[in-house]
Amino acid sequence: MKTKKIGLFLLAFLLVLVPAACGSRNAQTTGQGTPSGETSSAGGGEPKKLKDVKVVLDWTPNTNHTGLYVAKEKGYYEEEGLNVDIVQPGAGGAEAMVASGKVPFGVSVQENVTQARTQGVPLVSIAAVIQHNTSGFAAPVDRNIKRPKDFEGKTYGGWGSPVEKAVIDSIMDIDKADVSKLKIVNMGEADYFTAVKRDIDFAWIFYGWTGIEAELRKEPLDMLYVKDFSDKLDYYTPVLVTNEKQIKEDPELVKAFMRATSKGYQFAIEHPEDAANILIKAVPELDKDLVMASQKWLSPKYQDDAKRWGEQKEQVWKGYSDWMYEHKLLDKPLDVENAFTNDFLPQQ
């Protein structure tokens, strides 16, 4: 969960993969819940056959993903008859792997799903991991960036996405600032803390990871959350995704996966320290202090004001896709109804 990455460059790759995937039904290599040879004994009874299922992350493991690791460690997936493997994204990204059918589930973001759907890529969002957008523009306090107007005369470190430029233009316009006075450079894969000491003044981050790390480093930030400037920018990031083929051919697998995953995130909401320790155990190379502090900050935000974890609202999908279309980031409006579903979330 480093500096925020939109990943729109993946779409051309997705469009190549999807047609090929639609003609493939090789269950042994897709990881789409095919029966495996592994068994599990529960309570001394007959061994239960488990289905091998993969879920691909959007980035390196972090507290956005804690519920997945909890569900695996606590046996929630096994209770649903699933043997879940949490994997890292390949060169094409999580979206490509899920859309092609290589894996049935993945972690994405609303902007990627929106862009993909309007280009015929059959991704479907099945849960909002976090209810409100926790990303925004962050600057060390000595840069004195308190509002978008203060971007003038500063240097922004980005990754060259049309979306980030549109967001910057939009919020600077709201503050009657002159975007021509902002210098934008590509910071590539540079670490945020290195970049702001070297050649930039601010960047787009998730506060729940990089912002918390800044607190632990005692390097205070000024944070401008994008959602504070427009309701349309309070979109879902990240989300859990599957593909249309998976929903059509095996909806029971999607339901089982989501029952267990929901329990994992609910545990993380109610027991942030225990959940953090589960993530640390699963990924011991992570900074323990950062994971613990991040989890305590993020756990209340998973569900926030929604009636249940994972709930998605049509107005959020419509608002953001309308904003993207208005800013010429989409070739056509999004068919919102088919882009997401709450049907696989457990009923309360």
Protein backbone atom coordinates (compact mmCIF):
# COMPACT_ATOMS: atom_id res chain seq x y z
CA MET A 1 0.00 0.00 0.00
CA LYS A 2 2.72 2.46 -0.98
CA THR A 3 1.95 5.57 -2.99
CA LYS A 4 -1.42 5.11 -4.65
CA LYS A 5 -1.27 3.46 -8.09
CA ILE A 6 -4.23 3.55 -10.45
CA GLY A 7 -2.92 1.02 -12.95
CA LEU A 8 -4.91 2.13 -15.97
CA PHE A 9 -2.05 1.00 -18.21
CA LEU A 10 -3.16 -2.57 -17.49
CA LEU A 11 -6.31 -2.27 -19.53
CA ALA A 12 -4.78 -2.98 -22.91
CA PHE A 13 -3.26 -6.11 -21.42
CA LEU A 14 -6.62 -7.08 -19.94
CA LEU A 15 -8.33 -6.79 -23.28
CA VAL A 16 -5.84 -9.21 -24.78
CA LEU A 17 -6.29 -11.75 -22.01
CA VAL A 18 -10.07 -11.80 -21.64
CA PRO A 19 -11.07 -13.19 -25.06
CA ALA A 20 -8.57 -16.00 -24.68
CA ALA A 21 -9.83 -16.77 -21.19
CA CYS A 22 -13.44 -17.02 -22.31
CA GLY A 23 -12.55 -20.02 -24.42
CA SER A 24 -10.55 -21.76 -21.73
CA ARG A 25 -12.04 -24.23 -19.30
CA ASN A 26 -8.87 -25.83 -17.95
CA ALA A 27 -9.99 -26.26 -14.37
CA GLN A 28 -6.69 -27.71 -13.25
CA THR A 29 -4.81 -24.44 -13.77
CA THR A 30 -7.38 -21.74 -13.14
CA GLY A 31 -7.68 -22.12 -9.37
CA GLN A 32 -11.43 -21.60 -9.70
CA GLY A 33 -12.49 -23.86 -6.88
CA THR A 34 -11.68 -27.20 -8.48
CA PRO A 35 -11.51 -30.19 -6.12
CA SER A 36 -8.01 -30.84 -4.86
CA GLY A 37 -6.39 -33.88 -3.37
CA GLU A 38 -6.02 -32.14 -0.01
CA THR A 39 -8.36 -33.10 2.78
CA SER A 40 -9.11 -31.78 6.21
CA SER A 41 -10.40 -33.60 9.25
CA ALA A 42 -12.78 -31.61 11.42
CA GLY A 43 -13.66 -32.83 14.88
CA GLY A 44 -12.40 -36.34 14.17
CA GLY A 45 -15.08 -36.98 11.54
CA GLU A 46 -14.72 -38.01 7.94
CA PRO A 47 -12.08 -36.08 6.00
CA LYS A 48 -13.61 -33.21 4.07
CA LYS A 49 -12.48 -32.47 0.54
CA LEU A 50 -11.43 -28.88 0.10
CA LYS A 51 -11.52 -26.80 -3.06
CA ASP A 52 -8.32 -25.01 -4.00
CA VAL A 53 -9.03 -21.32 -4.47
CA LYS A 54 -6.65 -18.44 -5.13
CA VAL A 55 -7.10 -14.78 -4.30
CA VAL A 56 -4.59 -12.33 -5.76
CA LEU A 57 -3.56 -9.15 -3.97
CA ASP A 58 -3.23 -5.76 -5.63
CA TRP A 59 0.10 -4.99 -4.01
CA THR A 60 2.38 -6.33 -1.33
CA PRO A 61 0.52 -7.56 1.80
CA ASN A 62 -0.71 -4.82 4.11
CA THR A 63 -3.60 -4.00 6.41
CA ASN A 64 -6.04 -3.58 3.53
CA HIS A 65 -5.74 -7.35 3.24
CA THR A 66 -5.91 -8.37 6.90
CA GLY A 67 -9.37 -9.93 6.69
CA LEU A 68 -8.16 -12.40 4.08
CA TYR A 69 -5.30 -13.55 6.27
CA VAL A 70 -7.58 -13.76 9.31
CA ALA A 71 -10.10 -15.89 7.42
CA LYS A 72 -7.30 -18.26 6.41
CA GLU A 73 -5.63 -18.45 9.83
CA LYS A 74 -8.88 -18.79 11.81
CA GLY A 75 -10.15 -21.59 9.58
CA TYR A 76 -13.10 -19.66 8.19
CA TYR A 77 -12.27 -20.68 4.63
CA GLU A 78 -11.83 -24.30 5.65
CA GLU A 79 -15.25 -24.21 7.31
CA GLU A 80 -16.64 -23.32 3.89
CA GLY A 81 -14.77 -26.19 2.26
CA LEU A 82 -12.09 -23.97 0.75
CA ASN A 83 -8.31 -24.20 0.70
CA VAL A 84 -7.41 -20.56 -0.04
CA ASP A 85 -4.02 -19.46 -1.31
CA ILE A 86 -3.28 -15.72 -1.10
CA VAL A 87 -0.92 -14.83 -3.95
CA GLN A 88 1.00 -11.82 -5.25
CA PRO A 89 -0.01 -10.21 -8.56
CA GLY A 90 1.85 -11.11 -11.72
CA ALA A 91 3.29 -8.66 -14.22
CA GLY A 92 -0.17 -7.91 -15.62
CA GLY A 93 -1.66 -7.11 -12.22
CA ALA A 94 -4.54 -8.55 -10.20
CA GLU A 95 -7.18 -7.29 -12.62
CA ALA A 96 -5.68 -9.20 -15.54
CA MET A 97 -5.47 -12.42 -13.53
CA VAL A 98 -9.08 -12.23 -12.38
CA ALA A 99 -10.59 -11.03 -15.65
CA SER A 100 -8.82 -13.79 -17.59
CA GLY A 101 -10.06 -16.47 -15.18
CA LYS A 102 -6.57 -17.39 -14.03
CA VAL A 103 -7.75 -16.82 -10.45
CA PRO A 104 -11.36 -16.36 -9.30
CA PHE A 105 -10.86 -13.54 -6.76
CA GLY A 106 -8.65 -10.52 -6.37
CA VAL A 107 -8.12 -7.13 -4.79
CA SER A 108 -8.62 -4.08 -7.01
CA VAL A 109 -9.90 -0.51 -6.78
CA GLN A 110 -13.07 1.11 -8.05
CA GLU A 111 -11.30 3.23 -10.65
CA ASN A 112 -9.71 0.16 -12.28
CA VAL A 113 -13.00 -1.74 -12.34
CA THR A 114 -14.77 1.30 -13.80
CA GLN A 115 -12.22 1.73 -16.58
CA ALA A 116 -12.16 -2.00 -17.28
CA ARG A 117 -15.96 -2.34 -17.47
CA THR A 118 -16.30 0.47 -20.01
CA GLN A 119 -13.78 -1.36 -22.21
CA GLY A 120 -15.56 -4.70 -22.10
CA VAL A 121 -13.49 -6.36 -19.37
CA PRO A 122 -15.86 -8.51 -17.22
CA LEU A 123 -14.65 -7.60 -13.72
CA VAL A 124 -17.30 -7.36 -10.99
CA SER A 125 -16.77 -5.80 -7.56
CA ILE A 126 -18.23 -8.00 -4.80
CA ALA A 127 -17.22 -6.05 -1.68
CA ALA A 128 -15.81 -2.71 -0.56
CA VAL A 129 -12.86 -3.45 1.71
CA ILE A 130 -12.96 0.08 3.17
CA GLN A 131 -16.16 2.10 3.21
CA HIS A 132 -14.65 5.52 2.47
CA ASN A 133 -11.65 6.71 0.49
CA THR A 134 -8.62 6.99 2.79
CA SER A 135 -6.27 8.33 0.12
CA GLY A 136 -5.11 11.86 -0.47
CA PHE A 137 -2.23 14.22 -1.10
CA ALA A 138 0.41 14.24 1.62
CA ALA A 139 3.25 16.69 2.22
CA PRO A 140 5.77 17.15 5.02
CA VAL A 141 4.51 20.00 7.22
CA ASP A 142 7.51 22.17 6.35
CA ARG A 143 6.18 22.49 2.77
CA ASN A 144 3.19 24.41 4.16
CA ILE A 145 0.62 22.72 1.91
CA LYS A 146 -2.70 23.24 3.69
CA ARG A 147 -5.04 23.51 0.70
CA PRO A 148 -4.95 22.91 -3.08
CA LYS A 149 -4.05 26.58 -3.66
CA ASP A 150 -0.75 25.78 -1.93
CA PHE A 151 0.14 23.34 -4.72
CA GLU A 152 1.17 26.39 -6.72
CA GLY A 153 4.95 26.63 -6.98
CA LYS A 154 5.40 23.08 -5.64
CA THR A 155 6.50 19.78 -7.21
CA TYR A 156 4.16 16.78 -7.23
CA GLY A 157 5.52 13.25 -7.54
CA GLY A 158 3.20 10.96 -9.47
CA TRP A 159 3.18 8.01 -11.85
CA GLY A 160 1.82 9.57 -15.01
CA SER A 161 -1.83 8.51 -14.82
CA PRO A 162 -4.55 10.63 -16.44
CA VAL A 163 -6.68 10.04 -13.34
CA GLU A 164 -4.25 11.70 -10.94
CA LYS A 165 -3.85 14.71 -13.23
CA ALA A 166 -7.64 15.04 -13.46
CA VAL A 167 -8.03 14.86 -9.67
CA ILE A 168 -5.35 17.50 -9.14
CA ASP A 169 -6.90 19.75 -11.78
CA SER A 170 -10.33 19.26 -10.24
CA ILE A 171 -9.46 20.12 -6.66
CA MET A 172 -7.17 23.01 -7.66
CA ASP A 173 -10.02 24.41 -9.74
CA ILE A 174 -12.35 24.17 -6.74
CA ASP A 175 -9.81 26.24 -4.76
CA LYS A 176 -9.37 28.70 -7.68
CA ALA A 177 -5.71 27.69 -7.99
CA ASP A 178 -3.60 27.85 -11.16
CA VAL A 179 -2.56 24.30 -12.10
CA SER A 180 0.02 25.66 -14.57
CA LYS A 181 2.04 26.76 -11.55
CA LEU A 182 2.38 23.15 -10.33
CA LYS A 183 5.30 21.04 -11.51
CA ILE A 184 4.50 17.34 -11.98
CA VAL A 185 7.27 14.73 -12.15
CA ASN A 186 7.20 10.96 -12.36
CA MET A 187 8.54 9.46 -9.14
CA GLY A 188 8.33 5.88 -10.45
CA GLU A 189 8.85 3.31 -7.72
CA ALA A 190 10.64 5.70 -5.37
CA ASP A 191 9.78 5.46 -1.69
CA TYR A 192 7.63 8.37 -0.52
CA PHE A 193 9.98 9.34 2.30
CA THR A 194 13.01 9.28 0.05
CA ALA A 195 11.25 11.24 -2.69
CA VAL A 196 10.08 14.10 -0.47
CA LYS A 197 13.61 14.52 0.82
CA ARG A 198 15.03 14.43 -2.69
CA ASP A 199 12.96 16.14 -5.37
CA ILE A 200 9.21 16.42 -4.63
CA ASP A 201 6.99 18.29 -2.19
CA PHE A 202 3.98 15.99 -2.05
CA ALA A 203 2.46 12.77 -3.41
CA TRP A 204 -0.75 10.72 -3.36
CA ILE A 205 -0.79 8.15 -0.54
CA PHE A 206 -3.05 5.93 1.53
CA TYR A 207 -2.94 7.45 5.01
CA GLY A 208 -3.59 4.07 6.63
CA TRP A 209 -0.12 2.88 5.63
CA THR A 210 2.23 5.67 4.54
CA GLY A 211 0.58 8.23 6.80
CA ILE A 212 0.82 5.93 9.79
CA GLU A 213 4.44 5.19 8.90
CA ALA A 214 5.09 8.94 8.93
CA GLU A 215 3.63 9.13 12.44
CA LEU A 216 5.93 6.34 13.62
CA ARG A 217 8.91 8.08 12.00
CA LYS A 218 7.86 11.31 13.73
CA GLU A 219 7.71 13.02 10.35
CA PRO A 220 4.34 14.83 10.51
CA LEU A 221 2.34 15.31 7.33
CA ASP A 222 -0.30 17.66 6.06
CA MET A 223 -2.94 15.43 4.47
CA LEU A 224 -5.55 16.56 1.96
CA TYR A 225 -8.05 13.71 1.54
CA VAL A 226 -9.54 13.73 -1.96
CA LYS A 227 -12.99 12.83 -0.60
CA ASP A 228 -13.10 16.14 1.27
CA PHE A 229 -13.24 18.08 -1.99
CA SER A 230 -16.05 16.22 -3.73
CA ASP A 231 -18.51 13.49 -2.79
CA LYS A 232 -17.79 11.95 -6.19
CA LEU A 233 -14.19 11.32 -5.12
CA ASP A 234 -15.26 9.32 -2.08
CA TYR A 235 -15.03 6.07 -4.05
CA TYR A 236 -14.19 2.53 -2.96
CA THR A 237 -10.52 1.71 -2.76
CA PRO A 238 -9.80 -1.15 -2.45
CA VAL A 239 -12.51 -3.63 -3.48
CA LEU A 240 -12.70 -7.39 -3.86
CA VAL A 241 -13.40 -8.55 -7.41
CA THR A 242 -14.36 -11.62 -9.37
CA ASN A 243 -15.42 -12.05 -13.01
CA GLU A 244 -18.78 -12.54 -14.71
CA LYS A 245 -17.98 -16.10 -15.78
CA GLN A 246 -17.22 -17.12 -12.19
CA ILE A 247 -20.51 -15.65 -10.97
CA LYS A 248 -22.49 -17.38 -13.70
CA GLU A 249 -20.86 -20.80 -13.47
CA ASP A 250 -20.25 -21.19 -9.73
CA PRO A 251 -22.13 -18.62 -7.62
CA GLU A 252 -22.00 -20.95 -4.61
CA LEU A 253 -18.21 -20.68 -4.56
CA VAL A 254 -18.48 -16.89 -4.55
CA LYS A 255 -20.95 -17.05 -1.67
CA ALA A 256 -18.74 -19.41 0.32
CA PHE A 257 -15.66 -17.26 -0.26
CA MET A 258 -17.49 -14.13 0.79
CA ARG A 259 -19.02 -15.71 3.91
CA ALA A 260 -15.56 -16.59 5.16
CA THR A 261 -13.95 -13.35 4.05
CA SER A 262 -16.66 -11.29 5.73
CA LYS A 263 -16.00 -13.15 8.98
CA GLY A 264 -12.31 -12.37 8.59
CA TYR A 265 -12.89 -8.65 8.23
CA GLN A 266 -15.46 -8.64 11.02
CA PHE A 267 -12.87 -10.22 13.31
CA ALA A 268 -10.38 -7.52 12.27
CA ILE A 269 -12.97 -4.83 13.05
CA GLU A 270 -13.62 -6.22 16.53
CA HIS A 271 -10.08 -7.39 17.39
CA PRO A 272 -7.54 -5.14 15.64
CA GLU A 273 -4.53 -6.21 17.71
CA ASP A 274 -5.21 -9.92 17.29
CA ALA A 275 -5.83 -9.39 13.58
CA ALA A 276 -2.58 -7.46 13.23
CA ASN A 277 -0.69 -10.30 14.88
CA ILE A 278 -2.22 -12.74 12.40
CA LEU A 279 -0.99 -10.62 9.49
CA ILE A 280 2.45 -10.32 11.08
CA LYS A 281 2.60 -14.08 11.53
CA ALA A 282 1.63 -14.68 7.91
CA VAL A 283 4.01 -12.05 6.52
CA PRO A 284 6.85 -11.79 9.07
CA GLU A 285 8.94 -9.45 6.90
CA LEU A 286 6.45 -6.63 7.51
CA ASP A 287 7.31 -3.96 10.10
CA LYS A 288 5.47 -5.12 13.22
CA ASP A 289 5.01 -1.67 14.71
CA LEU A 290 3.66 -0.33 11.42
CA VAL A 291 1.22 -3.21 11.01
CA MET A 292 -0.08 -2.83 14.55
CA ALA A 293 -0.50 0.95 14.34
CA SER A 294 -2.02 0.78 10.87
CA GLN A 295 -4.48 -1.91 11.92
CA LYS A 296 -5.69 0.07 14.91
CA TRP A 297 -6.28 3.08 12.65
CA LEU A 298 -7.91 1.15 9.83
CA SER A 299 -10.11 -1.41 11.59
CA PRO A 300 -12.93 1.07 12.43
CA LYS A 301 -12.88 2.27 8.83
CA TYR A 302 -13.56 -1.11 7.20
CA GLN A 303 -17.29 -0.90 7.86
CA ASP A 304 -17.58 2.66 9.15
CA ASP A 305 -21.16 3.90 8.60
CA ALA A 306 -22.33 1.02 6.38
CA LYS A 307 -24.92 -1.45 7.66
CA ARG A 308 -22.45 -4.31 7.14
CA TRP A 309 -18.87 -4.80 6.05
CA GLY A 310 -18.42 -4.84 2.29
CA GLU A 311 -21.65 -2.99 1.43
CA GLN A 312 -21.47 -0.97 -1.80
CA LYS A 313 -23.81 1.85 -2.81
CA GLU A 314 -25.00 2.63 -6.31
CA GLN A 315 -24.55 6.35 -5.81
CA VAL A 316 -20.87 5.86 -5.04
CA TRP A 317 -20.32 3.90 -8.24
CA LYS A 318 -22.40 6.33 -10.28
CA GLY A 319 -20.85 9.43 -8.74
CA TYR A 320 -17.28 8.44 -9.44
CA SER A 321 -17.95 7.05 -12.91
CA ASP A 322 -19.86 10.23 -13.80
CA TRP A 323 -16.86 12.24 -12.58
CA MET A 324 -14.51 10.15 -14.72
CA TYR A 325 -16.73 10.58 -17.77
CA GLU A 326 -17.02 14.32 -17.21
CA HIS A 327 -13.22 14.53 -17.11
CA LYS A 328 -12.87 12.49 -20.31
CA LEU A 329 -11.30 9.53 -18.52
CA LEU A 330 -13.95 7.18 -19.91
CA ASP A 331 -15.01 6.70 -23.51
CA LYS A 332 -18.59 6.11 -22.44
CA PRO A 333 -20.69 6.15 -19.24
CA LEU A 334 -20.45 3.16 -16.94
CA ASP A 335 -23.25 0.59 -16.77
CA VAL A 336 -23.26 0.89 -12.99
CA GLU A 337 -25.75 -1.89 -12.32
CA ASN A 338 -23.42 -4.60 -13.63
CA ALA A 339 -20.18 -3.22 -12.20
CA PHE A 340 -20.81 -4.29 -8.61
CA THR A 341 -23.05 -6.49 -6.53
CA ASN A 342 -23.92 -6.95 -2.85
CA ASP A 343 -25.59 -10.29 -3.55
CA PHE A 344 -22.74 -12.37 -2.17
CA LEU A 345 -22.39 -10.58 1.15
CA PRO A 346 -23.83 -12.53 4.09
CA GLN A 347 -27.23 -11.34 5.22
CA GLN A 348 -27.33 -9.84 8.69
